[in-house]
Amino acid sequence: MKSTTFAAMLVLATGAIARNCTPDLNYCGRTLLEIGNYQPQIDQALHDAGAGEANGGSDDLFHCGGGPNGVITFIGFCANGCRTNPTNVNDACN
């Protein structure tokens, strides 16, 4: 019984771990937020670029530089919205 409980806890804990963006891919802000807790990094990337935060970065486009924390940089605001593409394909502005 104890080994079953431990195995179930391990599976749940593994699912709760956030992942990083894939290096060299472009992401919509909303995609980054689905990946993990990227809001602080989105805010910082917007600040570093001198860009405003009209929508919290969800319709902005970012580039994943990678690294242990999934470092991102601001590419631009998507005036007509940001299009999320399949895994391992760059997101893009509409």
PDB file of N, CA and C in Angstrom:
ATOM      1  N   MET A   1       0.820  -1.193   0.000  1.00  0.00           N
ATOM      2  CA  MET A   1       0.000   0.000   0.000  1.00  0.00           C
ATOM      3  C   MET A   1       0.861   1.252   0.000  1.00  0.00           C
ATOM      4  N   LYS A   2       1.931   1.240   0.812  1.00  0.00           N
ATOM      5  CA  LYS A   2       2.786   2.412   0.887  1.00  0.00           C
ATOM      6  C   LYS A   2       3.484   2.677  -0.440  1.00  0.00           C
ATOM      7  N   SER A   3       3.921   1.627  -1.128  1.00  0.00           N
ATOM      8  CA  SER A   3       4.605   1.831  -2.409  1.00  0.00           C
ATOM      9  C   SER A   3       3.643   2.380  -3.463  1.00  0.00           C
ATOM     10  N   THR A   4       2.386   1.995  -3.412  1.00  0.00           N
ATOM     11  CA  THR A   4       1.390   2.526  -4.339  1.00  0.00           C
ATOM     12  C   THR A   4       1.153   4.009  -4.077  1.00  0.00           C
ATOM     13  N   THR A   5       1.054   4.381  -2.820  1.00  0.00           N
ATOM     14  CA  THR A   5       0.864   5.791  -2.461  1.00  0.00           C
ATOM     15  C   THR A   5       2.061   6.612  -2.899  1.00  0.00           C
ATOM     16  N   PHE A   6       3.264   6.102  -2.656  1.00  0.00           N
ATOM     17  CA  PHE A   6       4.483   6.807  -3.056  1.00  0.00           C
ATOM     18  C   PHE A   6       4.536   6.978  -4.567  1.00  0.00           C
ATOM     19  N   ALA A   7       4.196   5.947  -5.324  1.00  0.00           N
ATOM     20  CA  ALA A   7       4.213   6.026  -6.787  1.00  0.00           C
ATOM     21  C   ALA A   7       3.209   7.064  -7.282  1.00  0.00           C
ATOM     22  N   ALA A   8       2.039   7.101  -6.682  1.00  0.00           N
ATOM     23  CA  ALA A   8       1.028   8.079  -7.082  1.00  0.00           C
ATOM     24  C   ALA A   8       1.496   9.495  -6.779  1.00  0.00           C
ATOM     25  N   MET A   9       2.131   9.696  -5.629  1.00  0.00           N
ATOM     26  CA  MET A   9       2.645  11.019  -5.272  1.00  0.00           C
ATOM     27  C   MET A   9       3.749  11.439  -6.228  1.00  0.00           C
ATOM     28  N   LEU A  10       4.593  10.509  -6.628  1.00  0.00           N
ATOM     29  CA  LEU A  10       5.678  10.807  -7.554  1.00  0.00           C
ATOM     30  C   LEU A  10       5.129  11.247  -8.907  1.00  0.00           C
ATOM     31  N   VAL A  11       4.111  10.574  -9.395  1.00  0.00           N
ATOM     32  CA  VAL A  11       3.491  10.943 -10.667  1.00  0.00           C
ATOM     33  C   VAL A  11       2.886  12.341 -10.573  1.00  0.00           C
ATOM     34  N   LEU A  12       2.191  12.641  -9.503  1.00  0.00           N
ATOM     35  CA  LEU A  12       1.587  13.960  -9.329  1.00  0.00           C
ATOM     36  C   LEU A  12       2.643  15.044  -9.219  1.00  0.00           C
ATOM     37  N   ALA A  13       3.705  14.784  -8.498  1.00  0.00           N
ATOM     38  CA  ALA A  13       4.774  15.774  -8.344  1.00  0.00           C
ATOM     39  C   ALA A  13       5.469  16.033  -9.668  1.00  0.00           C
ATOM     40  N   THR A  14       5.682  15.013 -10.452  1.00  0.00           N
ATOM     41  CA  THR A  14       6.326  15.166 -11.753  1.00  0.00           C
ATOM     42  C   THR A  14       5.479  16.026 -12.676  1.00  0.00           C
ATOM     43  N   GLY A  15       4.174  15.864 -12.649  1.00  0.00           N
ATOM     44  CA  GLY A  15       3.282  16.646 -13.493  1.00  0.00           C
ATOM     45  C   GLY A  15       3.230  18.110 -13.105  1.00  0.00           C
ATOM     46  N   ALA A  16       3.594  18.422 -11.881  1.00  0.00           N
ATOM     47  CA  ALA A  16       3.529  19.800 -11.405  1.00  0.00           C
ATOM     48  C   ALA A  16       4.776  20.603 -11.763  1.00  0.00           C
ATOM     49  N   ILE A  17       5.814  19.949 -12.232  1.00  0.00           N
ATOM     50  CA  ILE A  17       7.053  20.634 -12.571  1.00  0.00           C
ATOM     51  C   ILE A  17       6.873  21.389 -13.880  1.00  0.00           C
ATOM     52  N   ALA A  18       7.167  22.683 -13.843  1.00  0.00           N
ATOM     53  CA  ALA A  18       7.057  23.502 -15.053  1.00  0.00           C
ATOM     54  C   ALA A  18       8.248  23.226 -15.959  1.00  0.00           C
ATOM     55  N   ARG A  19       8.043  23.394 -17.241  1.00  0.00           N
ATOM     56  CA  ARG A  19       9.134  23.198 -18.187  1.00  0.00           C
ATOM     57  C   ARG A  19       9.576  24.550 -18.719  1.00  0.00           C
ATOM     58  N   ASN A  20      10.694  24.568 -19.391  1.00  0.00           N
ATOM     59  CA  ASN A  20      11.202  25.793 -19.996  1.00  0.00           C
ATOM     60  C   ASN A  20      10.842  25.826 -21.472  1.00  0.00           C
ATOM     61  N   CYS A  21      10.957  27.013 -22.048  1.00  0.00           N
ATOM     62  CA  CYS A  21      10.764  27.152 -23.488  1.00  0.00           C
ATOM     63  C   CYS A  21      11.906  26.440 -24.219  1.00  0.00           C
ATOM     64  N   THR A  22      11.680  26.117 -25.479  1.00  0.00           N
ATOM     65  CA  THR A  22      12.693  25.460 -26.302  1.00  0.00           C
ATOM     66  C   THR A  22      13.596  26.523 -26.917  1.00  0.00           C
ATOM     67  N   PRO A  23      14.914  26.418 -26.705  1.00  0.00           N
ATOM     68  CA  PRO A  23      15.833  27.432 -27.234  1.00  0.00           C
ATOM     69  C   PRO A  23      15.667  27.652 -28.734  1.00  0.00           C
ATOM     70  N   ASP A  24      15.784  28.918 -29.125  1.00  0.00           N
ATOM     71  CA  ASP A  24      15.739  29.381 -30.514  1.00  0.00           C
ATOM     72  C   ASP A  24      14.349  29.363 -31.142  1.00  0.00           C
ATOM     73  N   LEU A  25      13.309  29.116 -30.352  1.00  0.00           N
ATOM     74  CA  LEU A  25      11.942  29.224 -30.873  1.00  0.00           C
ATOM     75  C   LEU A  25      11.312  30.525 -30.388  1.00  0.00           C
ATOM     76  N   ASN A  26      10.361  31.031 -31.169  1.00  0.00           N
ATOM     77  CA  ASN A  26       9.601  32.222 -30.801  1.00  0.00           C
ATOM     78  C   ASN A  26       8.269  31.792 -30.206  1.00  0.00           C
ATOM     79  N   TYR A  27       7.843  32.509 -29.170  1.00  0.00           N
ATOM     80  CA  TYR A  27       6.633  32.152 -28.438  1.00  0.00           C
ATOM     81  C   TYR A  27       5.739  33.361 -28.223  1.00  0.00           C
ATOM     82  N   CYS A  28       4.436  33.153 -28.343  1.00  0.00           N
ATOM     83  CA  CYS A  28       3.473  34.147 -27.881  1.00  0.00           C
ATOM     84  C   CYS A  28       3.546  34.151 -26.353  1.00  0.00           C
ATOM     85  N   GLY A  29       3.269  35.293 -25.769  1.00  0.00           N
ATOM     86  CA  GLY A  29       3.263  35.365 -24.316  1.00  0.00           C
ATOM     87  C   GLY A  29       2.315  34.363 -23.691  1.00  0.00           C
ATOM     88  N   ARG A  30       1.144  34.175 -24.308  1.00  0.00           N
ATOM     89  CA  ARG A  30       0.163  33.234 -23.746  1.00  0.00           C
ATOM     90  C   ARG A  30       0.698  31.803 -23.756  1.00  0.00           C
ATOM     91  N   THR A  31       1.504  31.456 -24.758  1.00  0.00           N
ATOM     92  CA  THR A  31       2.097  30.120 -24.808  1.00  0.00           C
ATOM     93  C   THR A  31       3.095  29.952 -23.672  1.00  0.00           C
ATOM     94  N   LEU A  32       3.902  30.985 -23.426  1.00  0.00           N
ATOM     95  CA  LEU A  32       4.863  30.927 -22.320  1.00  0.00           C
ATOM     96  C   LEU A  32       4.145  30.749 -20.988  1.00  0.00           C
ATOM     97  N   LEU A  33       3.009  31.404 -20.831  1.00  0.00           N
ATOM     98  CA  LEU A  33       2.249  31.277 -19.587  1.00  0.00           C
ATOM     99  C   LEU A  33       1.659  29.880 -19.432  1.00  0.00           C
ATOM    100  N   GLU A  34       1.357  29.213 -20.543  1.00  0.00           N
ATOM    101  CA  GLU A  34       0.878  27.826 -20.485  1.00  0.00           C
ATOM    102  C   GLU A  34       2.010  26.872 -20.114  1.00  0.00           C
ATOM    103  N   ILE A  35       3.234  27.203 -20.536  1.00  0.00           N
ATOM    104  CA  ILE A  35       4.399  26.368 -20.238  1.00  0.00           C
ATOM    105  C   ILE A  35       4.715  26.401 -18.749  1.00  0.00           C
ATOM    106  N   GLY A  36       4.666  27.585 -18.169  1.00  0.00           N
ATOM    107  CA  GLY A  36       5.037  27.714 -16.759  1.00  0.00           C
ATOM    108  C   GLY A  36       4.826  29.129 -16.258  1.00  0.00           C
ATOM    109  N   ASN A  37       5.438  29.444 -15.146  1.00  0.00           N
ATOM    110  CA  ASN A  37       5.294  30.760 -14.521  1.00  0.00           C
ATOM    111  C   ASN A  37       6.230  31.760 -15.191  1.00  0.00           C
ATOM    112  N   TYR A  38       5.901  32.151 -16.394  1.00  0.00           N
ATOM    113  CA  TYR A  38       6.727  33.075 -17.165  1.00  0.00           C
ATOM    114  C   TYR A  38       6.344  34.538 -16.975  1.00  0.00           C
ATOM    115  N   GLN A  39       5.293  34.836 -16.203  1.00  0.00           N
ATOM    116  CA  GLN A  39       4.865  36.237 -16.102  1.00  0.00           C
ATOM    117  C   GLN A  39       5.977  37.170 -15.613  1.00  0.00           C
ATOM    118  N   PRO A  40       6.754  36.806 -14.587  1.00  0.00           N
ATOM    119  CA  PRO A  40       7.842  37.706 -14.176  1.00  0.00           C
ATOM    120  C   PRO A  40       8.872  37.937 -15.289  1.00  0.00           C
ATOM    121  N   GLN A  41       9.188  36.898 -16.059  1.00  0.00           N
ATOM    122  CA  GLN A  41      10.149  37.049 -17.155  1.00  0.00           C
ATOM    123  C   GLN A  41       9.558  37.874 -18.298  1.00  0.00           C
ATOM    124  N   ILE A  42       8.273  37.700 -18.569  1.00  0.00           N
ATOM    125  CA  ILE A  42       7.602  38.506 -19.594  1.00  0.00           C
ATOM    126  C   ILE A  42       7.645  39.975 -19.188  1.00  0.00           C
ATOM    127  N   ASP A  43       7.294  40.245 -17.932  1.00  0.00           N
ATOM    128  CA  ASP A  43       7.324  41.625 -17.440  1.00  0.00           C
ATOM    129  C   ASP A  43       8.721  42.218 -17.568  1.00  0.00           C
ATOM    130  N   GLN A  44       9.746  41.445 -17.211  1.00  0.00           N
ATOM    131  CA  GLN A  44      11.122  41.937 -17.281  1.00  0.00           C
ATOM    132  C   GLN A  44      11.557  42.162 -18.724  1.00  0.00           C
ATOM    133  N   ALA A  45      11.205  41.241 -19.619  1.00  0.00           N
ATOM    134  CA  ALA A  45      11.575  41.389 -21.033  1.00  0.00           C
ATOM    135  C   ALA A  45      10.920  42.629 -21.636  1.00  0.00           C
ATOM    136  N   LEU A  46       9.661  42.885 -21.288  1.00  0.00           N
ATOM    137  CA  LEU A  46       8.972  44.084 -21.765  1.00  0.00           C
ATOM    138  C   LEU A  46       9.640  45.340 -21.209  1.00  0.00           C
ATOM    139  N   HIS A  47       9.987  45.313 -19.937  1.00  0.00           N
ATOM    140  CA  HIS A  47      10.658  46.452 -19.305  1.00  0.00           C
ATOM    141  C   HIS A  47      12.008  46.712 -19.960  1.00  0.00           C
ATOM    142  N   ASP A  48      12.794  45.649 -20.160  1.00  0.00           N
ATOM    143  CA  ASP A  48      14.125  45.784 -20.770  1.00  0.00           C
ATOM    144  C   ASP A  48      14.048  46.378 -22.170  1.00  0.00           C
ATOM    145  N   ALA A  49      12.967  46.068 -22.891  1.00  0.00           N
ATOM    146  CA  ALA A  49      12.794  46.560 -24.264  1.00  0.00           C
ATOM    147  C   ALA A  49      12.120  47.930 -24.303  1.00  0.00           C
ATOM    148  N   GLY A  50      11.694  48.433 -23.148  1.00  0.00           N
ATOM    149  CA  GLY A  50      10.992  49.715 -23.116  1.00  0.00           C
ATOM    150  C   GLY A  50       9.600  49.640 -23.710  1.00  0.00           C
ATOM    151  N   ALA A  51       9.022  48.448 -23.704  1.00  0.00           N
ATOM    152  CA  ALA A  51       7.681  48.240 -24.272  1.00  0.00           C
ATOM    153  C   ALA A  51       6.635  48.321 -23.164  1.00  0.00           C
ATOM    154  N   GLY A  52       5.436  48.745 -23.512  1.00  0.00           N
ATOM    155  CA  GLY A  52       4.343  48.803 -22.545  1.00  0.00           C
ATOM    156  C   GLY A  52       3.749  47.432 -22.293  1.00  0.00           C
ATOM    157  N   GLU A  53       2.906  47.359 -21.279  1.00  0.00           N
ATOM    158  CA  GLU A  53       2.266  46.093 -20.920  1.00  0.00           C
ATOM    159  C   GLU A  53       0.753  46.199 -21.078  1.00  0.00           C
ATOM    160  N   ALA A  54       0.284  46.426 -22.272  1.00  0.00           N
ATOM    161  CA  ALA A  54      -1.149  46.619 -22.502  1.00  0.00           C
ATOM    162  C   ALA A  54      -1.969  45.389 -22.127  1.00  0.00           C
ATOM    163  N   ASN A  55      -1.448  44.207 -22.369  1.00  0.00           N
ATOM    164  CA  ASN A  55      -2.221  42.985 -22.113  1.00  0.00           C
ATOM    165  C   ASN A  55      -1.431  41.964 -21.298  1.00  0.00           C
ATOM    166  N   GLY A  56      -0.454  42.425 -20.541  1.00  0.00           N
ATOM    167  CA  GLY A  56       0.359  41.510 -19.749  1.00  0.00           C
ATOM    168  C   GLY A  56       1.296  40.668 -20.585  1.00  0.00           C
ATOM    169  N   GLY A  57       1.449  41.024 -21.855  1.00  0.00           N
ATOM    170  CA  GLY A  57       2.366  40.305 -22.731  1.00  0.00           C
ATOM    171  C   GLY A  57       1.771  39.127 -23.464  1.00  0.00           C
ATOM    172  N   SER A  58       0.483  38.850 -23.294  1.00  0.00           N
ATOM    173  CA  SER A  58      -0.086  37.641 -23.904  1.00  0.00           C
ATOM    174  C   SER A  58      -0.107  37.686 -25.429  1.00  0.00           C
ATOM    175  N   ASP A  59      -0.242  38.875 -26.019  1.00  0.00           N
ATOM    176  CA  ASP A  59      -0.231  38.992 -27.480  1.00  0.00           C
ATOM    177  C   ASP A  59       1.091  39.549 -27.999  1.00  0.00           C
ATOM    178  N   ASP A  60       2.131  39.433 -27.192  1.00  0.00           N
ATOM    179  CA  ASP A  60       3.464  39.845 -27.613  1.00  0.00           C
ATOM    180  C   ASP A  60       4.251  38.610 -28.019  1.00  0.00           C
ATOM    181  N   LEU A  61       5.271  38.822 -28.837  1.00  0.00           N
ATOM    182  CA  LEU A  61       6.094  37.723 -29.324  1.00  0.00           C
ATOM    183  C   LEU A  61       7.463  37.792 -28.655  1.00  0.00           C
ATOM    184  N   PHE A  62       7.948  36.649 -28.184  1.00  0.00           N
ATOM    185  CA  PHE A  62       9.211  36.551 -27.463  1.00  0.00           C
ATOM    186  C   PHE A  62      10.083  35.469 -28.084  1.00  0.00           C
ATOM    187  N   HIS A  63      11.392  35.645 -27.934  1.00  0.00           N
ATOM    188  CA  HIS A  63      12.352  34.647 -28.415  1.00  0.00           C
ATOM    189  C   HIS A  63      12.943  33.935 -27.210  1.00  0.00           C
ATOM    190  N   CYS A  64      13.003  32.619 -27.275  1.00  0.00           N
ATOM    191  CA  CYS A  64      13.577  31.819 -26.198  1.00  0.00           C
ATOM    192  C   CYS A  64      15.074  31.671 -26.422  1.00  0.00           C
ATOM    193  N   GLY A  65      15.843  32.216 -25.497  1.00  0.00           N
ATOM    194  CA  GLY A  65      17.294  32.078 -25.558  1.00  0.00           C
ATOM    195  C   GLY A  65      17.771  30.803 -24.899  1.00  0.00           C
ATOM    196  N   GLY A  66      16.924  30.214 -24.085  1.00  0.00           N
ATOM    197  CA  GLY A  66      17.256  28.957 -23.426  1.00  0.00           C
ATOM    198  C   GLY A  66      17.913  29.172 -22.078  1.00  0.00           C
ATOM    199  N   GLY A  67      18.811  28.276 -21.732  1.00  0.00           N
ATOM    200  CA  GLY A  67      19.461  28.318 -20.432  1.00  0.00           C
ATOM    201  C   GLY A  67      18.640  27.596 -19.388  1.00  0.00           C
ATOM    202  N   PRO A  68      19.163  27.526 -18.169  1.00  0.00           N
ATOM    203  CA  PRO A  68      18.484  26.767 -17.117  1.00  0.00           C
ATOM    204  C   PRO A  68      17.135  27.345 -16.699  1.00  0.00           C
ATOM    205  N   ASN A  69      16.915  28.634 -16.957  1.00  0.00           N
ATOM    206  CA  ASN A  69      15.645  29.255 -16.580  1.00  0.00           C
ATOM    207  C   ASN A  69      14.779  29.622 -17.773  1.00  0.00           C
ATOM    208  N   GLY A  70      15.153  29.196 -18.970  1.00  0.00           N
ATOM    209  CA  GLY A  70      14.365  29.509 -20.157  1.00  0.00           C
ATOM    210  C   GLY A  70      14.294  31.001 -20.425  1.00  0.00           C
ATOM    211  N   VAL A  71      15.449  31.645 -20.532  1.00  0.00           N
ATOM    212  CA  VAL A  71      15.530  33.096 -20.714  1.00  0.00           C
ATOM    213  C   VAL A  71      14.851  33.514 -22.015  1.00  0.00           C
ATOM    214  N   ILE A  72      14.063  34.595 -21.951  1.00  0.00           N
ATOM    215  CA  ILE A  72      13.350  35.103 -23.128  1.00  0.00           C
ATOM    216  C   ILE A  72      13.710  36.563 -23.376  1.00  0.00           C
ATOM    217  N   THR A  73      13.550  36.993 -24.633  1.00  0.00           N
ATOM    218  CA  THR A  73      13.692  38.399 -25.001  1.00  0.00           C
ATOM    219  C   THR A  73      12.468  38.802 -25.817  1.00  0.00           C
ATOM    220  N   PHE A  74      12.101  40.076 -25.708  1.00  0.00           N
ATOM    221  CA  PHE A  74      10.949  40.623 -26.410  1.00  0.00           C
ATOM    222  C   PHE A  74      11.289  40.825 -27.881  1.00  0.00           C
ATOM    223  N   ILE A  75      10.414  40.352 -28.775  1.00  0.00           N
ATOM    224  CA  ILE A  75      10.576  40.577 -30.213  1.00  0.00           C
ATOM    225  C   ILE A  75       9.682  41.727 -30.647  1.00  0.00           C
ATOM    226  N   GLY A  76       8.393  41.655 -30.302  1.00  0.00           N
ATOM    227  CA  GLY A  76       7.490  42.720 -30.702  1.00  0.00           C
ATOM    228  C   GLY A  76       6.058  42.452 -30.286  1.00  0.00           C
ATOM    229  N   PHE A  77       5.245  43.506 -30.377  1.00  0.00           N
ATOM    230  CA  PHE A  77       3.821  43.407 -30.094  1.00  0.00           C
ATOM    231  C   PHE A  77       3.093  42.999 -31.364  1.00  0.00           C
ATOM    232  N   CYS A  78       2.186  42.072 -31.253  1.00  0.00           N
ATOM    233  CA  CYS A  78       1.409  41.611 -32.404  1.00  0.00           C
ATOM    234  C   CYS A  78       0.088  42.381 -32.443  1.00  0.00           C
ATOM    235  N   ALA A  79       0.017  43.388 -33.290  1.00  0.00           N
ATOM    236  CA  ALA A  79      -1.152  44.271 -33.361  1.00  0.00           C
ATOM    237  C   ALA A  79      -2.445  43.525 -33.676  1.00  0.00           C
ATOM    238  N   ASN A  80      -2.353  42.449 -34.457  1.00  0.00           N
ATOM    239  CA  ASN A  80      -3.539  41.668 -34.832  1.00  0.00           C
ATOM    240  C   ASN A  80      -3.613  40.343 -34.090  1.00  0.00           C
ATOM    241  N   GLY A  81      -2.930  40.245 -32.974  1.00  0.00           N
ATOM    242  CA  GLY A  81      -2.934  39.022 -32.186  1.00  0.00           C
ATOM    243  C   GLY A  81      -1.755  38.130 -32.515  1.00  0.00           C
ATOM    244  N   CYS A  82      -1.518  37.194 -31.636  1.00  0.00           N
ATOM    245  CA  CYS A  82      -0.393  36.269 -31.774  1.00  0.00           C
ATOM    246  C   CYS A  82      -0.939  34.865 -32.022  1.00  0.00           C
ATOM    247  N   ARG A  83      -0.359  34.169 -32.981  1.00  0.00           N
ATOM    248  CA  ARG A  83      -0.817  32.830 -33.379  1.00  0.00           C
ATOM    249  C   ARG A  83       0.075  31.766 -32.748  1.00  0.00           C
ATOM    250  N   THR A  84      -0.528  30.900 -31.952  1.00  0.00           N
ATOM    251  CA  THR A  84       0.183  29.778 -31.356  1.00  0.00           C
ATOM    252  C   THR A  84       0.240  28.647 -32.371  1.00  0.00           C
ATOM    253  N   ASN A  85       1.421  28.124 -32.600  1.00  0.00           N
ATOM    254  CA  ASN A  85       1.616  27.044 -33.566  1.00  0.00           C
ATOM    255  C   ASN A  85       1.932  25.739 -32.848  1.00  0.00           C
ATOM    256  N   PRO A  86       1.976  24.627 -33.577  1.00  0.00           N
ATOM    257  CA  PRO A  86       2.269  23.334 -32.946  1.00  0.00           C
ATOM    258  C   PRO A  86       3.633  23.332 -32.254  1.00  0.00           C
ATOM    259  N   THR A  87       3.828  22.374 -31.377  1.00  0.00           N
ATOM    260  CA  THR A  87       5.090  22.210 -30.665  1.00  0.00           C
ATOM    261  C   THR A  87       6.259  22.174 -31.641  1.00  0.00           C
ATOM    262  N   ASN A  88       7.348  22.829 -31.270  1.00  0.00           N
ATOM    263  CA  ASN A  88       8.592  22.907 -32.049  1.00  0.00           C
ATOM    264  C   ASN A  88       8.460  23.702 -33.343  1.00  0.00           C
ATOM    265  N   VAL A  89       7.418  24.541 -33.436  1.00  0.00           N
ATOM    266  CA  VAL A  89       7.236  25.457 -34.560  1.00  0.00           C
ATOM    267  C   VAL A  89       7.095  26.854 -33.962  1.00  0.00           C
ATOM    268  N   ASN A  90       7.777  27.840 -34.550  1.00  0.00           N
ATOM    269  CA  ASN A  90       7.696  29.204 -34.040  1.00  0.00           C
ATOM    270  C   ASN A  90       6.265  29.716 -34.017  1.00  0.00           C
ATOM    271  N   ASP A  91       5.873  30.345 -32.892  1.00  0.00           N
ATOM    272  CA  ASP A  91       4.636  31.121 -32.869  1.00  0.00           C
ATOM    273  C   ASP A  91       4.896  32.373 -33.699  1.00  0.00           C
ATOM    274  N   ALA A  92       3.843  33.068 -34.112  1.00  0.00           N
ATOM    275  CA  ALA A  92       4.021  34.230 -34.986  1.00  0.00           C
ATOM    276  C   ALA A  92       2.873  35.211 -34.805  1.00  0.00           C
ATOM    277  N   CYS A  93       3.109  36.440 -35.224  1.00  0.00           N
ATOM    278  CA  CYS A  93       2.043  37.442 -35.242  1.00  0.00           C
ATOM    279  C   CYS A  93       1.083  37.108 -36.375  1.00  0.00           C
ATOM    280  N   ASN A  94      -0.202  37.414 -36.178  1.00  0.00           N
ATOM    281  CA  ASN A  94      -1.204  37.224 -37.235  1.00  0.00           C
ATOM    282  C   ASN A  94      -1.022  38.272 -38.303  1.00  0.00           C
TER     283      ASN A  94
END
